[in-house]
Amino acid sequence: MADPDSCSGAVGALGYDACGRELLAQAPDLDTVVVALGSGGTMAGLVHALGPQRVLGVHCGAVDDPAGVVSALLTPMDGRPVTHGSLRLRTDQVGPGYSALTDPVMDALTRGGPRPPPSSVLPASTEPLSAPVCSAGLSRNSPQLPAARSIA
């Protein structure tokens, strides 16, 4: 059961409504905000502030009916039902499970090169890694990544 005081509920969704309004104030020509759709609260708040055409939710598999969850949170905020069809959702990104080593993940790790044996890809130790690891093999300081753009 979702905690009604977290972003999973209406109170948290209102926080993302404020976030969406701040985004519009800073970037009025904002085209699309892409958001992970877990419990639905973040997307519901952003859709309330920005409209469904500016928010793309990427379903991460946390709920069975992502459109229904977002609609249920939006309806009391808007005072009218929200149709599932008006929400922009990607439901094709849910993988087979957390930390599953699939072919696309392996391709990203090896950048399409020769595949090492699985035992050499995953750490044998249960000790935490000392530095962040990006699955594509790039770091934030890598020249291949575009520089972050501030909207402030």
Protein backbone atom coordinates (compact mmCIF):
# COMPACT_ATOMS: atom_id res chain seq x y z
CA MET A 1 0.00 0.00 0.00
CA ALA A 2 1.32 3.45 -0.92
CA ASP A 3 2.17 5.92 1.80
CA PRO A 4 -0.34 8.79 1.32
CA ASP A 5 2.24 11.31 2.54
CA SER A 6 4.90 10.23 0.04
CA CYS A 7 5.11 11.05 -3.64
CA SER A 8 3.04 7.91 -4.14
CA GLY A 9 -0.03 9.80 -2.98
CA ALA A 10 -1.89 13.01 -3.73
CA VAL A 11 0.20 15.12 -1.30
CA GLY A 12 3.43 14.13 -3.03
CA ALA A 13 1.89 14.67 -6.45
CA LEU A 14 1.10 18.26 -5.44
CA GLY A 15 4.82 18.76 -4.80
CA TYR A 16 5.53 17.79 -8.41
CA ASP A 17 2.75 20.11 -9.56
CA ALA A 18 4.80 22.91 -7.95
CA CYS A 19 7.93 21.52 -9.61
CA GLY A 20 6.20 21.60 -13.01
CA ARG A 21 5.12 25.21 -12.51
CA GLU A 22 8.70 26.13 -11.61
CA LEU A 23 9.95 24.41 -14.77
CA LEU A 24 7.49 26.43 -16.85
CA ALA A 25 8.56 29.67 -15.19
CA GLN A 26 12.20 28.93 -16.00
CA ALA A 27 11.69 27.35 -19.43
CA PRO A 28 8.36 28.44 -20.94
CA ASP A 29 9.23 26.78 -24.25
CA LEU A 30 9.74 23.43 -22.52
CA ASP A 31 8.82 20.63 -24.89
CA THR A 32 8.91 17.34 -22.97
CA VAL A 33 9.78 16.19 -19.47
CA VAL A 34 10.65 12.50 -19.34
CA VAL A 35 9.97 10.87 -15.98
CA ALA A 36 10.22 7.36 -14.57
CA LEU A 37 6.73 6.13 -13.81
CA GLY A 38 6.83 4.06 -10.65
CA SER A 39 4.01 4.82 -8.23
CA GLY A 40 2.62 7.56 -10.51
CA GLY A 41 2.85 10.54 -8.14
CA THR A 42 5.67 12.35 -9.91
CA MET A 43 4.05 12.01 -13.32
CA ALA A 44 0.61 12.98 -12.01
CA GLY A 45 1.92 16.21 -10.51
CA LEU A 46 3.91 17.12 -13.61
CA VAL A 47 0.95 16.36 -15.89
CA HIS A 48 -1.26 18.56 -13.71
CA ALA A 49 1.15 21.49 -14.08
CA LEU A 50 2.42 20.98 -17.63
CA GLY A 51 -0.40 19.12 -19.35
CA PRO A 52 -0.25 15.57 -20.69
CA GLN A 53 1.34 16.59 -23.99
CA ARG A 54 4.53 17.77 -22.22
CA VAL A 55 5.12 14.76 -19.96
CA LEU A 56 6.34 11.36 -21.08
CA GLY A 57 6.20 8.66 -18.42
CA VAL A 58 8.47 5.64 -18.82
CA HIS A 59 6.90 2.70 -17.00
CA CYS A 60 9.44 0.92 -14.80
CA GLY A 61 7.25 -2.03 -13.83
CA ALA A 62 6.34 -0.96 -10.29
CA VAL A 63 2.57 -1.08 -10.88
CA ASP A 64 0.33 -3.22 -13.09
CA ASP A 65 -1.70 -0.34 -14.56
CA PRO A 66 0.50 2.77 -14.88
CA ALA A 67 -2.11 4.84 -16.73
CA GLY A 68 -4.77 3.93 -14.18
CA VAL A 69 -2.54 4.91 -11.25
CA VAL A 70 -1.67 8.30 -12.78
CA SER A 71 -5.32 8.91 -13.73
CA ALA A 72 -6.48 8.05 -10.21
CA LEU A 73 -4.06 10.61 -8.75
CA LEU A 74 -4.94 13.27 -11.33
CA THR A 75 -8.74 13.01 -11.06
CA PRO A 76 -9.00 14.60 -7.57
CA MET A 77 -6.43 17.25 -8.55
CA ASP A 78 -8.35 18.24 -11.69
CA GLY A 79 -11.82 17.53 -10.42
CA ARG A 80 -12.59 15.58 -13.59
CA PRO A 81 -11.65 12.14 -14.88
CA VAL A 82 -8.48 11.89 -16.95
CA THR A 83 -8.61 9.54 -19.91
CA HIS A 84 -5.86 6.96 -20.18
CA GLY A 85 -5.42 7.86 -23.85
CA SER A 86 -4.43 11.44 -23.07
CA LEU A 87 -1.34 10.31 -21.10
CA ARG A 88 1.95 9.78 -22.92
CA LEU A 89 3.43 6.49 -21.70
CA ARG A 90 6.26 4.19 -22.74
CA THR A 91 5.50 0.70 -21.50
CA ASP A 92 8.08 -1.09 -23.65
CA GLN A 93 11.06 -0.37 -21.39
CA VAL A 94 10.29 -2.78 -18.55
CA GLY A 95 12.97 -5.45 -18.46
CA PRO A 96 12.98 -8.99 -17.11
CA GLY A 97 13.96 -7.90 -13.60
CA TYR A 98 16.38 -5.88 -11.55
CA SER A 99 20.04 -6.53 -12.45
CA ALA A 100 19.16 -9.06 -15.19
CA LEU A 101 22.09 -9.31 -17.58
CA THR A 102 20.28 -9.18 -20.94
CA ASP A 103 21.83 -8.95 -24.41
CA PRO A 104 21.19 -5.16 -24.69
CA VAL A 105 22.80 -4.61 -21.27
CA MET A 106 25.80 -6.70 -22.28
CA ASP A 107 26.08 -4.75 -25.55
CA ALA A 108 26.07 -1.49 -23.59
CA LEU A 109 28.71 -2.79 -21.18
CA THR A 110 30.97 -3.97 -23.97
CA ARG A 111 30.02 -1.26 -26.48
CA GLY A 112 29.27 -3.99 -28.99
CA GLY A 113 32.76 -5.50 -28.72
CA PRO A 114 33.69 -9.04 -27.85
CA ARG A 115 31.76 -10.37 -24.91
CA PRO A 116 33.72 -11.38 -21.85
CA PRO A 117 32.52 -14.36 -19.86
CA PRO A 118 29.69 -13.35 -17.46
CA SER A 119 31.89 -13.97 -14.41
CA SER A 120 34.23 -11.18 -15.54
CA VAL A 121 31.44 -8.63 -16.07
CA LEU A 122 29.82 -8.80 -12.67
CA PRO A 123 31.90 -8.18 -9.53
CA ALA A 124 32.67 -11.39 -7.64
CA SER A 125 32.80 -9.46 -4.37
CA THR A 126 29.82 -8.31 -2.38
CA GLU A 127 31.80 -5.24 -1.26
CA PRO A 128 30.38 -1.92 -2.53
CA LEU A 129 32.12 -0.40 -5.54
CA SER A 130 34.44 2.46 -4.68
CA ALA A 131 33.31 4.65 -7.61
CA PRO A 132 30.06 5.05 -9.54
CA VAL A 133 29.76 2.85 -12.62
CA CYS A 134 27.79 3.79 -15.73
CA SER A 135 26.41 0.81 -17.64
CA ALA A 136 27.44 2.38 -20.94
CA GLY A 137 31.02 2.71 -19.76
CA LEU A 138 30.98 6.52 -19.76
CA SER A 139 31.47 8.91 -16.90
CA ARG A 140 29.93 12.35 -16.43
CA ASN A 141 33.30 13.87 -17.44
CA SER A 142 33.52 11.80 -20.62
CA PRO A 143 33.79 13.90 -23.79
CA GLN A 144 31.13 11.71 -25.44
CA LEU A 145 28.40 13.01 -23.13
CA PRO A 146 26.79 16.37 -23.89
CA ALA A 147 27.33 19.05 -21.28
CA ALA A 148 24.45 19.69 -18.93
CA ARG A 149 22.40 22.78 -19.75
CA SER A 150 21.10 24.89 -16.92
CA ILE A 151 17.63 26.32 -17.35
CA ALA A 152 18.00 28.80 -14.49
